[in-house]
Amino acid sequence: MSKLIATYTMTVPPSVNSAYRAFKGRVIMSKPARLWYANAIPNLFIQKNHATITQDIFLSIKISPKTRVKQDIDNRNKCIFDALTKAGIIQDDSQVKKLLIEFDYTKKDFVSVEIYEYA
């Protein structure tokens, strides 16, 4: 297994389907998404104890949704990647070369992100 660089936690972001909306012919971020980012980015920044990661990485993400309602597992990635970037944890989401995502129903409204060196 690759070397673990860092672990972060956050609440579950909005689905990409609800994170953006059309407004006057443009696509804008929805209010729930803006609120989530406003909370998630400072929370991630507080957890940060390393320089911005610039190398290629492997992410292991566990998503614990609020409910067991049927949902697509890949609809949360964009917000998670963007928050990691905006908090200065990673330089750019193009560094993600390998991704493992799984639902974990042992908690509610919780995301765990483990960042590993990509090998």
C-alpha atoms as a PDB file:
ATOM      1  CA  MET A   1       0.000   0.000   0.000  1.00  0.00           C
ATOM      2  CA  SER A   2       1.098   3.547  -0.648  1.00  0.00           C
ATOM      3  CA  LYS A   3       2.284   5.816   2.144  1.00  0.00           C
ATOM      4  CA  LEU A   4      -0.475   7.742   3.955  1.00  0.00           C
ATOM      5  CA  ILE A   5       0.117  11.503   3.753  1.00  0.00           C
ATOM      6  CA  ALA A   6      -2.908  12.872   5.611  1.00  0.00           C
ATOM      7  CA  THR A   7      -6.493  12.245   6.691  1.00  0.00           C
ATOM      8  CA  TYR A   8      -9.306  14.799   6.655  1.00  0.00           C
ATOM      9  CA  THR A   9     -12.934  14.819   7.711  1.00  0.00           C
ATOM     10  CA  MET A  10     -15.861  16.979   6.688  1.00  0.00           C
ATOM     11  CA  THR A  11     -19.629  16.872   6.400  1.00  0.00           C
ATOM     12  CA  VAL A  12     -21.215  15.370   3.293  1.00  0.00           C
ATOM     13  CA  PRO A  13     -21.232  17.918   0.460  1.00  0.00           C
ATOM     14  CA  PRO A  14     -24.245  18.548  -1.714  1.00  0.00           C
ATOM     15  CA  SER A  15     -24.667  16.360  -4.754  1.00  0.00           C
ATOM     16  CA  VAL A  16     -23.222  17.839  -7.919  1.00  0.00           C
ATOM     17  CA  ASN A  17     -26.814  17.714  -9.203  1.00  0.00           C
ATOM     18  CA  SER A  18     -27.860  20.262  -6.565  1.00  0.00           C
ATOM     19  CA  ALA A  19     -24.602  22.212  -6.218  1.00  0.00           C
ATOM     20  CA  TYR A  20     -25.164  24.270  -9.352  1.00  0.00           C
ATOM     21  CA  ARG A  21     -28.181  25.880 -10.950  1.00  0.00           C
ATOM     22  CA  ALA A  22     -29.086  27.988 -13.956  1.00  0.00           C
ATOM     23  CA  PHE A  23     -29.637  31.702 -13.339  1.00  0.00           C
ATOM     24  CA  LYS A  24     -30.217  34.264 -16.095  1.00  0.00           C
ATOM     25  CA  GLY A  25     -28.498  32.110 -18.686  1.00  0.00           C
ATOM     26  CA  ARG A  26     -25.494  31.318 -16.483  1.00  0.00           C
ATOM     27  CA  VAL A  27     -24.597  28.429 -14.229  1.00  0.00           C
ATOM     28  CA  ILE A  28     -24.023  29.488 -10.623  1.00  0.00           C
ATOM     29  CA  MET A  29     -23.323  27.721  -7.358  1.00  0.00           C
ATOM     30  CA  SER A  30     -26.457  27.003  -5.335  1.00  0.00           C
ATOM     31  CA  LYS A  31     -27.004  28.412  -1.854  1.00  0.00           C
ATOM     32  CA  PRO A  32     -26.604  24.977  -0.164  1.00  0.00           C
ATOM     33  CA  ALA A  33     -23.270  24.516  -1.954  1.00  0.00           C
ATOM     34  CA  ARG A  34     -22.052  27.991  -0.968  1.00  0.00           C
ATOM     35  CA  LEU A  35     -22.983  27.288   2.662  1.00  0.00           C
ATOM     36  CA  TRP A  36     -21.257  23.905   2.607  1.00  0.00           C
ATOM     37  CA  TYR A  37     -18.040  25.408   1.196  1.00  0.00           C
ATOM     38  CA  ALA A  38     -18.203  28.252   3.741  1.00  0.00           C
ATOM     39  CA  ASN A  39     -18.095  25.639   6.519  1.00  0.00           C
ATOM     40  CA  ALA A  40     -15.945  22.947   4.930  1.00  0.00           C
ATOM     41  CA  ILE A  41     -12.978  25.036   3.789  1.00  0.00           C
ATOM     42  CA  PRO A  42     -12.180  26.637   7.178  1.00  0.00           C
ATOM     43  CA  ASN A  43     -12.701  23.248   8.865  1.00  0.00           C
ATOM     44  CA  LEU A  44     -10.237  21.596   6.470  1.00  0.00           C
ATOM     45  CA  PHE A  45      -7.754  24.431   6.897  1.00  0.00           C
ATOM     46  CA  ILE A  46      -7.819  23.912  10.680  1.00  0.00           C
ATOM     47  CA  GLN A  47      -7.041  20.201  10.194  1.00  0.00           C
ATOM     48  CA  LYS A  48      -4.153  20.919   7.822  1.00  0.00           C
ATOM     49  CA  ASN A  49      -0.699  20.234   9.288  1.00  0.00           C
ATOM     50  CA  HIS A  50       1.460  20.001   6.165  1.00  0.00           C
ATOM     51  CA  ALA A  51       2.489  22.005   3.134  1.00  0.00           C
ATOM     52  CA  THR A  52       0.273  21.948   0.060  1.00  0.00           C
ATOM     53  CA  ILE A  53       0.604  18.556  -1.608  1.00  0.00           C
ATOM     54  CA  THR A  54       2.003  18.917  -5.124  1.00  0.00           C
ATOM     55  CA  GLN A  55       2.660  15.288  -6.067  1.00  0.00           C
ATOM     56  CA  ASP A  56       0.283  12.790  -7.667  1.00  0.00           C
ATOM     57  CA  ILE A  57      -2.042  11.207  -5.112  1.00  0.00           C
ATOM     58  CA  PHE A  58      -4.458   8.387  -4.407  1.00  0.00           C
ATOM     59  CA  LEU A  59      -7.618   9.329  -2.489  1.00  0.00           C
ATOM     60  CA  SER A  60      -9.661   6.936  -0.403  1.00  0.00           C
ATOM     61  CA  ILE A  61     -13.026   8.523   0.412  1.00  0.00           C
ATOM     62  CA  LYS A  62     -15.705   7.157   2.746  1.00  0.00           C
ATOM     63  CA  ILE A  63     -19.044   8.897   2.519  1.00  0.00           C
ATOM     64  CA  SER A  64     -21.582   8.506   5.325  1.00  0.00           C
ATOM     65  CA  PRO A  65     -24.766  10.112   4.018  1.00  0.00           C
ATOM     66  CA  LYS A  66     -27.503  11.471   6.268  1.00  0.00           C
ATOM     67  CA  THR A  67     -29.908   8.772   5.065  1.00  0.00           C
ATOM     68  CA  ARG A  68     -29.859   5.551   3.086  1.00  0.00           C
ATOM     69  CA  VAL A  69     -31.842   7.089   0.251  1.00  0.00           C
ATOM     70  CA  LYS A  70     -30.701   5.802  -3.139  1.00  0.00           C
ATOM     71  CA  GLN A  71     -27.932   8.009  -4.556  1.00  0.00           C
ATOM     72  CA  ASP A  72     -25.037   7.899  -6.980  1.00  0.00           C
ATOM     73  CA  ILE A  73     -21.695   7.337  -5.297  1.00  0.00           C
ATOM     74  CA  ASP A  74     -19.824   9.698  -7.631  1.00  0.00           C
ATOM     75  CA  ASN A  75     -21.999  12.813  -7.205  1.00  0.00           C
ATOM     76  CA  ARG A  76     -20.009  14.184  -4.230  1.00  0.00           C
ATOM     77  CA  ASN A  77     -16.470  14.071  -5.653  1.00  0.00           C
ATOM     78  CA  LYS A  78     -16.376  17.492  -7.311  1.00  0.00           C
ATOM     79  CA  CYS A  79     -17.211  19.368  -4.115  1.00  0.00           C
ATOM     80  CA  ILE A  80     -14.756  17.264  -2.081  1.00  0.00           C
ATOM     81  CA  PHE A  81     -11.943  17.811  -4.611  1.00  0.00           C
ATOM     82  CA  ASP A  82     -12.701  21.535  -4.845  1.00  0.00           C
ATOM     83  CA  ALA A  83     -12.719  21.931  -1.051  1.00  0.00           C
ATOM     84  CA  LEU A  84      -9.362  20.147  -0.734  1.00  0.00           C
ATOM     85  CA  THR A  85      -7.957  22.508  -3.357  1.00  0.00           C
ATOM     86  CA  LYS A  86      -9.482  25.699  -1.935  1.00  0.00           C
ATOM     87  CA  ALA A  87      -8.203  24.817   1.562  1.00  0.00           C
ATOM     88  CA  GLY A  88      -4.679  24.482   0.145  1.00  0.00           C
ATOM     89  CA  ILE A  89      -4.412  20.792   0.956  1.00  0.00           C
ATOM     90  CA  ILE A  90      -3.748  19.801  -2.645  1.00  0.00           C
ATOM     91  CA  GLN A  91      -2.573  22.039  -5.459  1.00  0.00           C
ATOM     92  CA  ASP A  92      -5.061  20.833  -8.064  1.00  0.00           C
ATOM     93  CA  ASP A  93      -7.540  17.989  -8.412  1.00  0.00           C
ATOM     94  CA  SER A  94      -5.690  16.812 -11.528  1.00  0.00           C
ATOM     95  CA  GLN A  95      -3.167  15.307  -9.069  1.00  0.00           C
ATOM     96  CA  VAL A  96      -5.702  12.595  -8.199  1.00  0.00           C
ATOM     97  CA  LYS A  97      -4.518   9.588 -10.192  1.00  0.00           C
ATOM     98  CA  LYS A  98      -6.378   6.903  -8.268  1.00  0.00           C
ATOM     99  CA  LEU A  99      -9.667   7.095  -6.412  1.00  0.00           C
ATOM    100  CA  LEU A 100     -11.536   4.735  -4.103  1.00  0.00           C
ATOM    101  CA  ILE A 101     -15.008   5.792  -2.957  1.00  0.00           C
ATOM    102  CA  GLU A 102     -17.313   3.852  -0.709  1.00  0.00           C
ATOM    103  CA  PHE A 103     -20.455   4.415   1.300  1.00  0.00           C
ATOM    104  CA  ASP A 104     -20.095   3.869   5.034  1.00  0.00           C
ATOM    105  CA  TYR A 105     -23.369   3.791   6.947  1.00  0.00           C
ATOM    106  CA  THR A 106     -21.809   3.612  10.423  1.00  0.00           C
ATOM    107  CA  LYS A 107     -22.012   7.428  10.801  1.00  0.00           C
ATOM    108  CA  LYS A 108     -24.260  10.155   9.460  1.00  0.00           C
ATOM    109  CA  ASP A 109     -23.319  13.267   7.480  1.00  0.00           C
ATOM    110  CA  PHE A 110     -19.618  12.464   7.581  1.00  0.00           C
ATOM    111  CA  VAL A 111     -16.854  12.178   4.989  1.00  0.00           C
ATOM    112  CA  SER A 112     -13.381  10.790   5.605  1.00  0.00           C
ATOM    113  CA  VAL A 113     -10.651  11.446   3.048  1.00  0.00           C
ATOM    114  CA  GLU A 114      -7.332   9.649   3.228  1.00  0.00           C
ATOM    115  CA  ILE A 115      -4.589  11.009   0.978  1.00  0.00           C
ATOM    116  CA  TYR A 116      -1.841   8.601  -0.089  1.00  0.00           C
ATOM    117  CA  GLU A 117       1.221   8.923  -2.255  1.00  0.00           C
ATOM    118  CA  TYR A 118       0.422   7.597  -5.705  1.00  0.00           C
ATOM    119  CA  ALA A 119       2.661   4.685  -6.603  1.00  0.00           C
END
